[in-house]
Amino acid sequence: MNLDRQIQALIDNAPQDGHTTQAIQAIGPALKLLAQQLRHSQYYILQTLERDWVLTTLSNRANPGVEKQVIYAFSTLQDVTADPNSLKAPQVLALPIPVTHILFQMLAMNGVYSTVFFDTPGNLSSGTELRREDLQNLIGAQLQQNYKPPRNIKSHLPPDIA
């Protein structure tokens, strides 16, 4: 699925609350820009049977007390099976997820430091790491420029009305 279709799928499946669809339309260009910097239109994400994404805890070798939670995004199913840590538990699946959906989902995943995208099939020793904070900053800037929330009725009242 191309990136424009992926963004449209996010819009089509958004809650009809009057805000989410407009917000996705506003951040769509930023999601597309980031997705274009990656090599694949979809990646395999490890998930539980309940469809929760599997997080991997990484420790800093120089400072073992420093840890971060990451999501691994594999470019091929073969890479998932080649990773010795991926499918240890029988209740873990690797499912293909469109790249823009991964980026969008990252925004809501508290506790996740980053996603590591393994872009080169067969190479699990290096990947492209996208920090959640960097994604949030880019999306925040995009929203400030392009998103105008629906007007609230109260906004038409004078501020000093008692």
Protein backbone atom coordinates (compact mmCIF):
# COMPACT_ATOMS: atom_id res chain seq x y z
CA MET A 1 0.00 0.00 0.00
CA ASN A 2 1.50 3.35 -0.95
CA LEU A 3 1.96 6.08 1.66
CA ASP A 4 -1.02 8.19 0.53
CA ARG A 5 -3.29 5.16 0.88
CA GLN A 6 -1.84 4.45 4.29
CA ILE A 7 -2.65 7.97 5.48
CA GLN A 8 -6.13 7.67 4.00
CA ALA A 9 -6.63 4.37 5.87
CA LEU A 10 -5.70 6.12 9.13
CA ILE A 11 -8.24 8.84 8.35
CA ASP A 12 -10.94 6.34 7.35
CA ASN A 13 -10.47 4.32 10.54
CA ALA A 14 -10.23 7.29 12.90
CA PRO A 15 -12.91 7.83 15.54
CA GLN A 16 -15.62 10.15 14.29
CA ASP A 17 -15.21 12.60 17.15
CA GLY A 18 -14.71 15.76 15.12
CA HIS A 19 -11.06 16.07 16.11
CA THR A 20 -9.09 12.93 15.25
CA THR A 21 -9.76 12.97 11.51
CA GLN A 22 -8.67 16.61 11.24
CA ALA A 23 -5.58 15.93 13.36
CA ILE A 24 -4.55 13.00 11.15
CA GLN A 25 -5.05 15.13 8.06
CA ALA A 26 -2.86 17.81 9.63
CA ILE A 27 -0.03 15.44 10.59
CA GLY A 28 -0.31 13.26 7.49
CA PRO A 29 2.42 15.18 5.62
CA ALA A 30 4.85 14.73 8.53
CA LEU A 31 4.09 11.02 8.78
CA LYS A 32 4.61 10.69 5.04
CA LEU A 33 7.89 12.64 5.17
CA LEU A 34 9.28 10.35 7.87
CA ALA A 35 8.02 7.22 6.12
CA GLN A 36 9.75 8.27 2.90
CA GLN A 37 13.07 8.24 4.75
CA LEU A 38 12.62 4.55 5.51
CA ARG A 39 13.06 1.86 2.86
CA HIS A 40 9.86 -0.14 3.19
CA SER A 41 6.15 0.59 3.10
CA GLN A 42 5.45 -1.97 5.82
CA TYR A 43 7.37 -3.65 8.61
CA TYR A 44 6.75 -6.71 10.75
CA ILE A 45 6.03 -5.88 14.38
CA LEU A 46 6.05 -8.48 17.13
CA GLN A 47 2.67 -8.67 18.86
CA THR A 48 0.96 -10.73 21.50
CA LEU A 49 -2.20 -12.67 20.74
CA GLU A 50 -4.09 -9.68 22.19
CA ARG A 51 -2.41 -7.46 19.53
CA ASP A 52 -0.23 -5.61 22.05
CA TRP A 53 3.13 -4.67 20.59
CA VAL A 54 6.13 -6.40 22.11
CA LEU A 55 8.67 -4.04 23.64
CA THR A 56 12.35 -4.90 23.99
CA THR A 57 14.37 -3.53 26.88
CA LEU A 58 17.86 -2.43 25.93
CA SER A 59 20.57 -1.73 28.50
CA ASN A 60 23.52 0.58 28.07
CA ARG A 61 26.69 -1.53 28.13
CA ALA A 62 28.76 1.25 29.71
CA ASN A 63 26.05 2.08 32.24
CA PRO A 64 23.89 -1.02 32.92
CA GLY A 65 21.45 1.00 35.04
CA VAL A 66 20.32 2.94 31.97
CA GLU A 67 17.58 1.15 30.04
CA LYS A 68 15.17 2.02 27.27
CA GLN A 69 12.12 0.33 25.78
CA VAL A 70 12.16 -0.05 22.00
CA ILE A 71 10.02 -1.58 19.30
CA TYR A 72 11.72 -3.62 16.61
CA ALA A 73 10.36 -3.20 13.08
CA PHE A 74 11.63 -5.90 10.72
CA SER A 75 11.61 -5.49 6.95
CA THR A 76 10.99 -9.18 6.24
CA LEU A 77 9.44 -12.13 7.99
CA GLN A 78 12.73 -13.99 7.51
CA ASP A 79 14.47 -11.33 9.61
CA VAL A 80 11.96 -11.89 12.40
CA THR A 81 12.74 -15.60 12.48
CA ALA A 82 16.50 -14.91 12.26
CA ASP A 83 16.40 -12.76 15.40
CA PRO A 84 17.02 -15.16 18.30
CA ASN A 85 14.95 -13.02 20.70
CA SER A 86 11.90 -12.52 18.51
CA LEU A 87 9.72 -15.58 18.68
CA LYS A 88 10.77 -17.22 21.94
CA ALA A 89 7.26 -17.25 23.36
CA PRO A 90 4.63 -19.24 21.44
CA GLN A 91 2.04 -16.49 22.00
CA VAL A 92 4.02 -13.92 19.97
CA LEU A 93 3.24 -13.21 16.32
CA ALA A 94 4.93 -11.05 13.72
CA LEU A 95 2.37 -9.09 11.72
CA PRO A 96 2.91 -6.65 8.84
CA ILE A 97 1.99 -3.06 9.72
CA PRO A 98 2.04 -0.11 7.28
CA VAL A 99 4.93 2.21 8.12
CA THR A 100 2.75 5.31 8.64
CA HIS A 101 0.59 3.32 11.09
CA ILE A 102 3.71 2.40 13.07
CA LEU A 103 4.68 6.07 13.27
CA PHE A 104 1.15 7.10 14.26
CA GLN A 105 0.95 4.39 16.91
CA MET A 106 4.29 5.47 18.39
CA LEU A 107 2.73 8.81 19.32
CA ALA A 108 0.40 7.12 21.79
CA MET A 109 2.84 4.62 23.28
CA ASN A 110 3.98 5.99 26.61
CA GLY A 111 7.11 4.33 27.89
CA VAL A 112 8.49 3.64 24.41
CA TYR A 113 11.80 5.35 23.78
CA SER A 114 12.10 4.56 20.08
CA THR A 115 11.46 2.21 17.19
CA VAL A 116 14.36 0.52 15.45
CA PHE A 117 13.64 -0.08 11.77
CA PHE A 118 15.74 -2.87 10.28
CA ASP A 119 15.72 -1.64 6.68
CA THR A 120 18.26 -3.99 5.12
CA PRO A 121 16.94 -7.56 4.83
CA GLY A 122 19.33 -10.00 6.43
CA ASN A 123 21.11 -7.33 8.49
CA LEU A 124 19.98 -7.21 12.11
CA SER A 125 23.17 -5.61 13.38
CA SER A 126 22.22 -2.08 12.34
CA GLY A 127 18.93 -0.29 11.98
CA THR A 128 17.45 3.17 11.79
CA GLU A 129 16.35 4.35 15.22
CA LEU A 130 13.53 6.88 15.43
CA ARG A 131 13.07 8.35 18.89
CA ARG A 132 9.49 8.90 20.03
CA GLU A 133 10.43 12.34 21.35
CA ASP A 134 11.72 13.42 17.93
CA LEU A 135 8.55 12.14 16.29
CA GLN A 136 6.39 14.00 18.82
CA ASN A 137 8.32 17.24 18.27
CA LEU A 138 7.93 17.01 14.50
CA ILE A 139 4.23 16.17 14.77
CA GLY A 140 3.70 18.96 17.33
CA ALA A 141 5.25 21.49 14.97
CA GLN A 142 3.11 20.17 12.11
CA LEU A 143 -0.05 20.47 14.22
CA GLN A 144 0.75 24.04 15.24
CA GLN A 145 1.10 25.01 11.59
CA ASN A 146 -1.82 23.10 10.09
CA TYR A 147 -4.42 22.11 12.68
CA LYS A 148 -7.23 24.42 13.67
CA PRO A 149 -9.39 22.76 16.33
CA PRO A 150 -13.16 23.12 15.99
CA ARG A 151 -14.47 26.24 17.65
CA ASN A 152 -16.10 25.79 20.98
CA ILE A 153 -19.34 27.65 21.61
CA LYS A 154 -17.85 29.13 24.79
CA SER A 155 -15.12 30.82 22.75
CA HIS A 156 -17.70 33.29 21.43
CA LEU A 157 -18.45 34.61 24.91
CA PRO A 158 -16.60 37.65 26.24
CA PRO A 159 -13.87 36.67 28.74
CA ASP A 160 -15.28 38.93 31.49
CA ILE A 161 -18.86 37.64 31.44
CA ALA A 162 -20.06 36.67 34.94
